[in-house]
Amino acid sequence: MKLLSHLNVGSLQLSNRVWLAPLTRCRATLDHVPTPLMAEYYAQRASAGLIIAEATAIAEGCSAFYTEPGIYSEEQIAGWKVVTDAVHAKGGLIFLQIWHGGRACHSDLNGGNIPVAPSAIAITNDLAHTPKGSVPYDVPRELRDEELPGIVSLFRRAAENAQKAGFDGVEVHGANGYLLDEFLRDGANHRSGPYGGSIENRARLMLEVLDAVIDVWGANRVGLRLSPLNSYNSMKDSDPVALVTYMAQQCDARGIAYLHMMRGDFLGEQTGDVMTPARQHFHGVLIGNMGFTADEAEQAIQDGKLDGVAFGTSFLANPDLPARIAAKAALNAPISAKFYSPGPEGYTDYPTMA
């Protein structure tokens, strides 16, 4: 079965092509420090070809989930070191997904500070979930061009801190309506100047971040996640195929370890084929994500459409997912009511095969 075969990703050899997708689960502390419970969770899933750890804040003041982890303080670095040590002790490999929440942040989560974005356009298709309850998203403050080198520097520092924490590489989060994706897609980016208008300009910040992270890690330890069709967080683009074509070409030129593509839309509002242009223009490792079954993943790999698949809630609910796929065993069902709740229930208490 090709899904369970080895895969070379940059300078790493992976034992299989079943990856753990990044899943925000809000089990860090109020200071955004990773916990021993998180170390247990990731170690349970160390049989993944590669673990991509959850969206992790690059700086104070860009929280979008209340108790998501960060990678900007010494305490957070130490907390993540416990996680990476636990994964490595089980023979696993783990990348950190580094992230800025952009306009998906909320002032109630960040000491009253208004979130920032490419343009002063609020998220309207959902509510922000805060300690005060579910509330409308803030209208964000438009970032000035002269502020953007500082954003790049924060990503660079996060990449450096990920090295200190013992990760095997990093994934830049360029998806799902957070800051870099907001710059990339024209539904959220209405600015003029060097960071607005054309695809080349809208991609500029993401590529500057990617170059800074490559400078820290080397291209063979860096991945990028994109979601060109996903309308989550009020996101759209007028030409997602052209956008993917350009980004795939840019990633290919840089020789990054992998491109991680979400193939569809959580909300079902946008359709199209963005995987074919990604495969045509990016010649490195291409990873698919979003609702794949094991059989569908196997067929896509057999057909040369993908090199591997990142599984989300099915890996959450089945910590031994590669073994279950090999045995053609039944899968546990995920408990959606516990996705973001504190504690082990619906997180570390899913059973493995008998």
Protein backbone atom coordinates (compact mmCIF):
# COMPACT_ATOMS: atom_id res chain seq x y z
CA MET A 1 0.00 0.00 0.00
CA LYS A 2 1.64 3.24 -1.15
CA LEU A 3 -0.04 5.25 1.62
CA LEU A 4 2.04 3.26 4.12
CA SER A 5 5.32 3.42 2.18
CA HIS A 6 8.35 5.56 2.96
CA LEU A 7 8.51 9.14 1.71
CA ASN A 8 11.49 11.46 1.49
CA VAL A 9 10.59 15.01 2.52
CA GLY A 10 13.50 17.39 2.23
CA SER A 11 16.31 15.81 4.24
CA LEU A 12 13.96 13.55 6.22
CA GLN A 13 12.81 10.01 5.49
CA LEU A 14 9.26 9.43 6.69
CA SER A 15 8.01 5.97 7.59
CA ASN A 16 4.65 6.51 5.87
CA ARG A 17 2.49 9.05 4.02
CA VAL A 18 -0.21 9.33 6.70
CA TRP A 19 0.34 12.75 8.29
CA LEU A 20 -1.33 14.32 11.29
CA ALA A 21 -2.92 17.58 10.10
CA PRO A 22 -2.59 20.66 12.32
CA LEU A 23 -5.60 20.74 14.64
CA THR A 24 -6.22 23.60 17.05
CA ARG A 25 -7.54 22.03 20.26
CA CYS A 26 -7.07 24.76 22.89
CA ARG A 27 -5.27 22.68 25.50
CA ALA A 28 -2.52 25.21 26.32
CA THR A 29 -2.53 27.44 29.41
CA LEU A 30 -3.93 30.97 29.62
CA ASP A 31 -0.35 32.13 28.96
CA HIS A 32 -0.33 30.00 25.79
CA VAL A 33 2.20 27.52 27.21
CA PRO A 34 2.01 23.93 25.89
CA THR A 35 1.05 21.40 28.56
CA PRO A 36 2.02 17.83 29.46
CA LEU A 37 -1.40 16.77 28.18
CA MET A 38 -0.41 18.08 24.76
CA ALA A 39 2.82 16.09 24.94
CA GLU A 40 0.78 12.96 25.64
CA TYR A 41 -1.55 13.70 22.72
CA TYR A 42 1.23 14.17 20.18
CA ALA A 43 3.25 11.20 21.45
CA GLN A 44 0.17 9.00 21.04
CA ARG A 45 0.20 9.91 17.33
CA ALA A 46 3.94 9.53 16.75
CA SER A 47 3.33 6.75 14.20
CA ALA A 48 2.31 9.46 11.70
CA GLY A 49 4.71 9.91 8.82
CA LEU A 50 4.87 13.52 9.99
CA ILE A 51 3.05 15.38 12.75
CA ILE A 52 2.22 18.98 11.95
CA ALA A 53 1.57 20.61 15.30
CA GLU A 54 -1.31 23.02 15.69
CA ALA A 55 -1.41 26.71 14.75
CA THR A 56 1.03 28.40 17.12
CA ALA A 57 1.17 32.15 17.69
CA ILE A 58 4.34 33.98 16.71
CA ALA A 59 3.78 36.88 19.12
CA GLU A 60 1.81 38.09 22.08
CA GLY A 61 -1.46 39.79 21.17
CA CYS A 62 -2.48 37.66 18.20
CA SER A 63 -4.66 35.09 19.93
CA ALA A 64 -7.73 33.87 18.05
CA PHE A 65 -8.66 30.87 20.23
CA TYR A 66 -8.05 31.88 23.88
CA THR A 67 -5.86 28.91 24.91
CA GLU A 68 -3.93 28.08 21.77
CA PRO A 69 -0.13 27.72 22.17
CA GLY A 70 2.55 30.28 21.37
CA ILE A 71 6.25 30.14 20.51
CA TYR A 72 7.44 33.60 21.63
CA SER A 73 8.33 33.10 25.32
CA GLU A 74 10.94 30.99 27.08
CA GLU A 75 8.16 29.16 28.96
CA GLN A 76 6.47 28.27 25.67
CA ILE A 77 9.74 27.04 24.17
CA ALA A 78 10.28 24.85 27.24
CA GLY A 79 6.71 23.54 27.03
CA TRP A 80 7.13 22.62 23.39
CA LYS A 81 10.45 20.92 24.19
CA VAL A 82 8.54 18.49 26.40
CA VAL A 83 6.27 17.78 23.41
CA THR A 84 9.06 17.24 20.89
CA ASP A 85 11.02 15.06 23.31
CA ALA A 86 7.93 12.88 23.84
CA VAL A 87 7.35 12.51 20.08
CA HIS A 88 11.01 11.75 19.36
CA ALA A 89 11.09 9.17 22.16
CA LYS A 90 8.38 7.30 20.22
CA GLY A 91 10.33 7.57 16.97
CA GLY A 92 8.17 10.31 15.49
CA LEU A 93 8.87 13.50 13.53
CA ILE A 94 7.13 16.81 14.21
CA PHE A 95 6.95 20.20 12.48
CA LEU A 96 5.53 23.33 14.12
CA GLN A 97 2.92 25.37 12.27
CA ILE A 98 3.73 29.05 12.87
CA TRP A 99 0.86 31.50 12.61
CA HIS A 100 -0.52 35.00 13.03
CA GLY A 101 -4.29 35.18 13.49
CA GLY A 102 -4.74 38.54 11.74
CA ARG A 103 -8.34 39.75 11.71
CA ALA A 104 -9.53 36.45 13.24
CA CYS A 105 -8.09 37.66 16.54
CA HIS A 106 -10.40 39.60 18.86
CA SER A 107 -9.83 42.45 21.29
CA ASP A 108 -11.46 40.44 24.11
CA LEU A 109 -8.71 37.83 23.72
CA ASN A 110 -5.84 40.31 23.48
CA GLY A 111 -6.11 42.85 26.26
CA GLY A 112 -8.42 45.14 24.33
CA ASN A 113 -6.06 45.51 21.37
CA ILE A 114 -7.79 45.72 17.99
CA PRO A 115 -6.58 43.04 15.55
CA VAL A 116 -4.62 43.88 12.42
CA ALA A 117 -5.19 42.89 8.79
CA PRO A 118 -4.35 43.93 5.23
CA SER A 119 -7.60 45.93 5.03
CA ALA A 120 -10.19 47.17 7.51
CA ILE A 121 -12.71 44.44 6.65
CA ALA A 122 -14.25 42.32 9.43
CA ILE A 123 -15.14 38.63 9.38
CA THR A 124 -18.91 38.42 8.97
CA ASN A 125 -19.80 34.75 8.47
CA ASP A 126 -19.09 33.67 12.05
CA LEU A 127 -18.76 34.94 15.61
CA ALA A 128 -15.63 35.19 17.74
CA HIS A 129 -15.66 32.90 20.78
CA THR A 130 -14.27 34.73 23.80
CA PRO A 131 -14.46 34.51 27.61
CA LYS A 132 -17.37 36.97 27.33
CA GLY A 133 -19.26 34.65 24.99
CA SER A 134 -19.79 34.63 21.24
CA VAL A 135 -19.44 38.17 19.90
CA PRO A 136 -19.07 39.83 16.48
CA TYR A 137 -15.54 40.13 15.14
CA ASP A 138 -13.80 43.49 15.41
CA VAL A 139 -13.21 45.61 12.36
CA PRO A 140 -9.44 45.24 12.13
CA ARG A 141 -6.87 47.99 11.79
CA GLU A 142 -5.19 48.12 8.38
CA LEU A 143 -1.47 47.47 8.68
CA ARG A 144 0.84 50.10 7.22
CA ASP A 145 3.45 49.02 4.69
CA GLU A 146 6.24 50.04 7.07
CA GLU A 147 4.89 47.65 9.72
CA LEU A 148 5.21 44.56 7.54
CA PRO A 149 8.97 43.98 7.98
CA GLY A 150 8.16 43.64 11.69
CA ILE A 151 5.65 40.88 10.91
CA VAL A 152 8.34 39.08 8.89
CA SER A 153 10.74 39.43 11.82
CA LEU A 154 8.20 37.85 14.18
CA PHE A 155 7.92 34.82 11.90
CA ARG A 156 11.71 34.61 11.74
CA ARG A 157 11.94 34.66 15.53
CA ALA A 158 9.24 31.99 15.77
CA ALA A 159 11.22 29.80 13.38
CA GLU A 160 14.32 30.26 15.51
CA ASN A 161 12.37 29.42 18.67
CA ALA A 162 11.01 26.29 17.01
CA GLN A 163 14.61 25.14 16.56
CA LYS A 164 15.27 25.74 20.26
CA ALA A 165 12.18 23.71 21.09
CA GLY A 166 13.48 20.69 19.19
CA PHE A 167 11.14 20.59 16.21
CA ASP A 168 12.20 18.87 12.99
CA GLY A 169 11.00 21.75 10.82
CA VAL A 170 8.26 24.33 10.46
CA GLU A 171 5.13 24.85 8.41
CA VAL A 172 4.13 28.41 7.55
CA HIS A 173 0.38 28.81 8.02
CA GLY A 174 -0.86 30.52 4.87
CA ALA A 175 -4.43 29.22 5.03
CA ASN A 176 -7.92 29.54 6.51
CA GLY A 177 -8.30 33.30 6.63
CA TYR A 178 -5.48 34.19 9.00
CA LEU A 179 -3.02 37.01 8.40
CA LEU A 180 -0.91 35.67 5.52
CA ASP A 181 -3.95 34.25 3.75
CA GLU A 182 -5.75 37.57 4.25
CA PHE A 183 -2.98 39.31 2.31
CA LEU A 184 -3.00 36.60 -0.36
CA ARG A 185 -6.70 36.54 -1.30
CA ASP A 186 -8.42 39.54 -2.83
CA GLY A 187 -11.63 39.11 -0.84
CA ALA A 188 -9.77 40.32 2.26
CA ASN A 189 -7.00 42.41 0.69
CA HIS A 190 -8.31 45.66 -0.82
CA ARG A 191 -5.13 47.67 -0.32
CA SER A 192 -3.04 49.45 -2.92
CA GLY A 193 0.73 49.71 -3.04
CA PRO A 194 3.35 46.96 -3.00
CA TYR A 195 1.22 44.53 -0.94
CA GLY A 196 -2.12 44.87 -2.77
CA GLY A 197 -3.69 44.57 -6.19
CA SER A 198 -1.94 41.96 -8.34
CA ILE A 199 -1.36 38.36 -7.24
CA GLU A 200 2.37 39.10 -7.12
CA ASN A 201 1.79 41.97 -4.70
CA ARG A 202 -0.73 40.12 -2.56
CA ALA A 203 1.66 37.15 -2.26
CA ARG A 204 4.57 39.40 -1.32
CA LEU A 205 4.20 39.18 2.46
CA MET A 206 3.75 35.41 2.46
CA LEU A 207 6.83 34.95 0.29
CA GLU A 208 8.88 37.34 2.43
CA VAL A 209 7.89 35.27 5.47
CA LEU A 210 8.72 32.05 3.64
CA ASP A 211 12.16 33.39 2.69
CA ALA A 212 12.87 34.46 6.27
CA VAL A 213 11.91 31.04 7.61
CA ILE A 214 13.99 29.31 4.91
CA ASP A 215 16.92 31.48 5.99
CA VAL A 216 16.60 30.00 9.49
CA TRP A 217 15.86 26.35 8.67
CA GLY A 218 16.91 25.74 5.07
CA ALA A 219 14.27 25.08 2.43
CA ASN A 220 14.33 21.32 3.04
CA ARG A 221 12.82 21.76 6.53
CA VAL A 222 10.05 24.23 5.59
CA GLY A 223 6.49 23.58 4.39
CA LEU A 224 3.61 25.89 3.46
CA ARG A 225 -0.13 25.36 3.91
CA LEU A 226 -2.65 26.97 1.54
CA SER A 227 -6.48 26.89 1.36
CA PRO A 228 -7.39 28.74 -1.86
CA LEU A 229 -11.05 27.64 -1.86
CA ASN A 230 -11.89 27.70 1.84
CA SER A 231 -14.45 30.38 2.72
CA TYR A 232 -13.93 29.95 6.48
CA ASN A 233 -13.34 33.34 8.15
CA SER A 234 -15.17 35.15 5.29
CA MET A 235 -12.49 34.35 2.73
CA LYS A 236 -12.75 34.31 -1.07
CA ASP A 237 -10.56 34.96 -4.07
CA SER A 238 -11.67 35.96 -7.54
CA ASP A 239 -9.25 33.56 -9.29
CA PRO A 240 -8.05 30.77 -6.99
CA VAL A 241 -6.54 28.74 -9.84
CA ALA A 242 -4.29 31.63 -10.91
CA LEU A 243 -3.37 32.21 -7.28
CA VAL A 244 -2.39 28.54 -6.77
CA THR A 245 -0.45 28.49 -10.02
CA TYR A 246 1.64 31.48 -8.94
CA MET A 247 2.20 30.22 -5.39
CA ALA A 248 3.12 26.72 -6.59
CA GLN A 249 5.67 28.22 -8.99
CA GLN A 250 7.17 30.34 -6.22
CA CYS A 251 7.35 27.41 -3.81
CA ASP A 252 8.91 25.24 -6.50
CA ALA A 253 11.57 27.87 -7.21
CA ARG A 254 12.46 27.93 -3.51
CA GLY A 255 12.62 24.13 -3.24
CA ILE A 256 10.62 23.91 -0.02
CA ALA A 257 10.13 20.52 1.62
CA TYR A 258 6.44 20.29 0.84
CA LEU A 259 3.30 22.15 -0.19
CA HIS A 260 0.25 21.31 1.93
CA MET A 261 -3.00 21.98 0.06
CA MET A 262 -6.52 22.04 1.43
CA ARG A 263 -8.58 20.89 -1.53
CA GLY A 264 -12.00 22.38 -0.76
CA ASP A 265 -14.20 24.61 1.33
CA PHE A 266 -15.34 23.87 4.90
CA LEU A 267 -18.59 25.73 4.21
CA GLY A 268 -19.25 24.44 0.70
CA GLU A 269 -19.55 27.92 -0.82
CA GLN A 270 -16.68 27.68 -3.30
CA THR A 271 -15.81 24.84 -5.65
CA GLY A 272 -13.09 24.18 -8.18
CA ASP A 273 -9.95 22.17 -8.84
CA VAL A 274 -6.91 23.70 -7.18
CA MET A 275 -5.01 20.44 -6.77
CA THR A 276 -4.23 19.97 -10.47
CA PRO A 277 -2.43 23.32 -10.90
CA ALA A 278 -0.58 22.69 -7.63
CA ARG A 279 0.67 19.35 -8.98
CA GLN A 280 1.54 20.85 -12.38
CA HIS A 281 3.61 23.71 -11.03
CA PHE A 282 5.10 22.35 -7.80
CA HIS A 283 7.47 19.43 -8.33
CA GLY A 284 8.26 18.70 -4.69
CA VAL A 285 6.21 16.77 -2.15
CA LEU A 286 2.50 17.66 -2.45
CA ILE A 287 0.27 16.85 0.51
CA GLY A 288 -3.52 16.85 0.27
CA ASN A 289 -5.92 17.56 3.11
CA MET A 290 -9.65 17.83 3.79
CA GLY A 291 -11.96 14.86 4.20
CA PHE A 292 -9.87 12.14 2.59
CA THR A 293 -10.62 8.50 3.35
CA ALA A 294 -7.72 6.06 3.38
CA ASP A 295 -8.91 4.49 0.13
CA GLU A 296 -9.20 7.88 -1.58
CA ALA A 297 -5.76 8.88 -0.32
CA GLU A 298 -4.27 5.62 -1.60
CA GLN A 299 -5.80 6.12 -5.04
CA ALA A 300 -4.57 9.73 -5.27
CA ILE A 301 -1.03 8.61 -4.42
CA GLN A 302 -1.21 5.67 -6.87
CA ASP A 303 -2.34 8.07 -9.58
CA GLY A 304 0.51 10.47 -8.88
CA LYS A 305 -1.82 13.28 -7.88
CA LEU A 306 -0.43 13.48 -4.34
CA ASP A 307 2.56 12.25 -2.38
CA GLY A 308 0.76 11.98 0.96
CA VAL A 309 -2.34 13.03 2.86
CA ALA A 310 -2.77 14.89 6.16
CA PHE A 311 -5.66 13.47 8.17
CA GLY A 312 -7.42 15.66 10.74
CA THR A 313 -10.32 14.45 12.86
CA SER A 314 -9.84 10.81 11.83
CA PHE A 315 -6.31 10.96 13.30
CA LEU A 316 -7.61 12.82 16.35
CA ALA A 317 -10.06 9.99 17.05
CA ASN A 318 -7.65 7.20 16.09
CA PRO A 319 -4.19 7.75 17.57
CA ASP A 320 -2.99 4.56 15.83
CA LEU A 321 -4.41 5.54 12.44
CA PRO A 322 -1.58 4.08 10.28
CA ALA A 323 -1.94 0.72 12.02
CA ARG A 324 -5.72 0.79 11.60
CA ILE A 325 -5.33 1.57 7.90
CA ALA A 326 -2.89 -1.34 7.53
CA ALA A 327 -5.31 -3.69 9.31
CA LYS A 328 -8.39 -2.29 7.54
CA ALA A 329 -9.85 -1.87 11.01
CA ALA A 330 -12.91 0.16 11.96
CA LEU A 331 -12.32 3.75 13.06
CA ASN A 332 -13.41 5.52 16.23
CA ALA A 333 -15.77 8.44 15.61
CA PRO A 334 -14.51 11.89 16.68
CA ILE A 335 -16.38 13.64 19.49
CA SER A 336 -16.96 17.09 18.04
CA ALA A 337 -18.42 18.49 21.27
CA LYS A 338 -14.99 18.04 22.89
CA PHE A 339 -12.84 19.49 20.09
CA TYR A 340 -12.06 22.72 21.98
CA SER A 341 -12.84 21.82 25.58
CA PRO A 342 -10.12 21.51 28.24
CA GLY A 343 -8.93 18.19 29.61
CA PRO A 344 -8.30 14.71 28.23
CA GLU A 345 -11.85 13.83 27.17
CA GLY A 346 -12.12 13.70 23.40
CA TYR A 347 -8.38 14.38 23.19
CA THR A 348 -6.13 11.74 24.75
CA ASP A 349 -8.75 9.14 25.73
CA TYR A 350 -9.56 7.66 22.31
CA PRO A 351 -8.82 3.90 22.37
CA THR A 352 -6.28 2.18 20.18
CA MET A 353 -6.96 -1.20 18.60
CA ALA A 354 -7.21 -4.07 21.08
